[in-house]
Protein backbone atom coordinates (compact mmCIF):
# COMPACT_ATOMS: atom_id res chain seq x y z
CA UNK A 1 2.91 -7.23 -1.46
CA UNK A 2 0.31 -7.65 -4.20
CA UNK A 3 -3.13 -9.63 -3.47
CA UNK A 4 -4.54 -9.83 -7.24
CA UNK A 5 -4.56 -6.18 -8.37
CA UNK A 6 -4.52 -4.78 -5.00
CA UNK A 7 -1.03 -3.47 -3.51
CA UNK A 8 -0.82 -3.71 0.20
CA UNK A 9 1.65 -1.05 1.52
CA UNK A 10 3.06 -0.09 5.07
CA UNK A 11 3.98 3.24 5.98
CA UNK A 12 7.62 2.83 7.15
CA UNK A 13 7.52 6.37 8.86
CA UNK A 14 10.98 7.41 7.24
CA UNK A 15 12.31 8.16 3.80
CA UNK A 16 13.32 5.33 1.67
CA UNK A 17 15.61 5.36 -1.47
CA UNK A 18 12.79 3.13 -3.32
CA UNK A 19 11.23 6.32 -4.79
CA UNK A 20 14.22 7.51 -6.53
CA UNK A 21 14.58 8.74 -10.28
CA UNK A 22 15.93 5.22 -10.89
CA UNK A 23 12.87 3.49 -9.60
CA UNK A 24 10.50 5.80 -11.82
CA UNK A 25 12.42 4.50 -14.72
CA UNK A 26 12.52 0.80 -13.61
CA UNK A 27 8.75 0.70 -13.32
CA UNK A 28 7.86 2.69 -16.27
CA UNK A 29 6.06 0.50 -18.74
CA UNK A 30 6.74 -2.80 -16.89
CA UNK A 31 4.91 -5.48 -18.84
CA UNK A 32 4.65 -8.11 -16.08
CA UNK A 33 4.32 -7.02 -12.49
CA UNK A 34 6.14 -10.09 -11.39
CA UNK A 35 9.39 -8.96 -13.07
CA UNK A 36 9.89 -6.52 -10.12
CA UNK A 37 9.12 -6.31 -6.54
CA UNK A 38 5.71 -4.87 -5.47
CA UNK A 39 5.82 -0.93 -5.73
CA UNK A 40 3.33 1.82 -5.97
CA UNK A 41 4.78 3.00 -8.91
CA UNK A 42 3.67 -0.28 -10.74
CA UNK A 43 0.03 0.80 -9.77
CA UNK A 44 0.56 4.20 -10.97
CA UNK A 45 1.95 2.88 -14.31
CA UNK A 46 -0.89 0.74 -14.98
CA UNK A 47 -3.44 3.43 -14.33
CA UNK A 48 -1.44 5.66 -16.87
CA UNK A 49 -1.03 2.95 -19.28
CA UNK A 50 -4.85 1.88 -19.46
CA UNK A 51 -5.58 5.54 -19.84
CA UNK A 52 -3.54 5.92 -22.58
CA UNK A 53 -4.62 2.64 -24.20
CA UNK A 54 -8.48 2.53 -23.59
CA UNK A 55 -9.02 6.41 -23.66
CA UNK A 56 -11.02 6.00 -20.50
CA UNK A 57 -10.88 7.48 -17.20
CA UNK A 58 -8.94 5.34 -14.61
CA UNK A 59 -9.39 5.32 -10.79
CA UNK A 60 -6.94 4.19 -7.99
CA UNK A 61 -8.40 3.81 -4.56
CA UNK A 62 -6.20 4.44 -1.67
CA UNK A 63 -7.46 3.50 1.72
CA UNK A 64 -5.91 3.37 5.27
CA UNK A 65 -6.24 4.65 8.88
CA UNK A 66 -5.01 8.09 9.96
CA UNK A 67 -1.23 7.95 9.53
CA UNK A 68 -1.12 5.25 7.10
CA UNK A 69 0.58 7.13 4.43
CA UNK A 70 -2.41 7.71 2.18
CA UNK A 71 -1.10 11.17 1.11
CA UNK A 72 2.29 10.32 0.62
CA UNK A 73 1.19 7.44 -1.54
CA UNK A 74 -0.82 9.54 -3.83
CA UNK A 75 1.68 11.90 -4.28
CA UNK A 76 4.07 9.14 -5.13
CA UNK A 77 1.65 8.00 -7.79
CA UNK A 78 1.08 11.44 -9.28
CA UNK A 79 4.90 12.03 -9.51
CA UNK A 80 5.11 8.71 -11.45
CA UNK A 81 2.28 9.43 -13.71
CA UNK A 82 3.81 12.91 -14.54
CA UNK A 83 7.19 11.16 -15.29
CA UNK A 84 5.53 8.85 -17.50
CA UNK A 85 3.66 11.44 -19.32
CA UNK A 86 6.96 13.08 -20.17
CA UNK A 87 6.85 16.39 -17.97
CA UNK A 88 8.76 14.69 -15.06
CA UNK A 89 10.34 18.16 -14.43
CA UNK A 90 7.18 19.87 -13.86
CA UNK A 91 6.91 20.55 -10.26
CA UNK A 92 4.33 23.20 -10.55
CA UNK A 93 1.84 20.68 -12.22
CA UNK A 94 2.69 18.14 -9.41
CA UNK A 95 1.93 20.81 -6.74
CA UNK A 96 -1.40 21.87 -8.59
CA UNK A 97 -2.66 18.42 -8.59
CA UNK A 98 -1.87 17.54 -4.96
């Protein structure tokens, strides 16, 4: 769920289908976050959009206890930013970043 510009996410400890390519496409360039359910792709999309528009560095803070899913969340955000940049098939780029 969202609290202001903050997304609260819980690690389900299992693979979910909410991170498929269709979700990348759905959350790419969403204008209003209330159009769709809260999602980590929306956070990544907003950072990417602000980076492109403002031409200024962006930061996403990922916080939580051990096992909370911080690494997986970061991987998902990086994959979405790569998807938005047009290099969705560049697995090597994603692997070098993470």
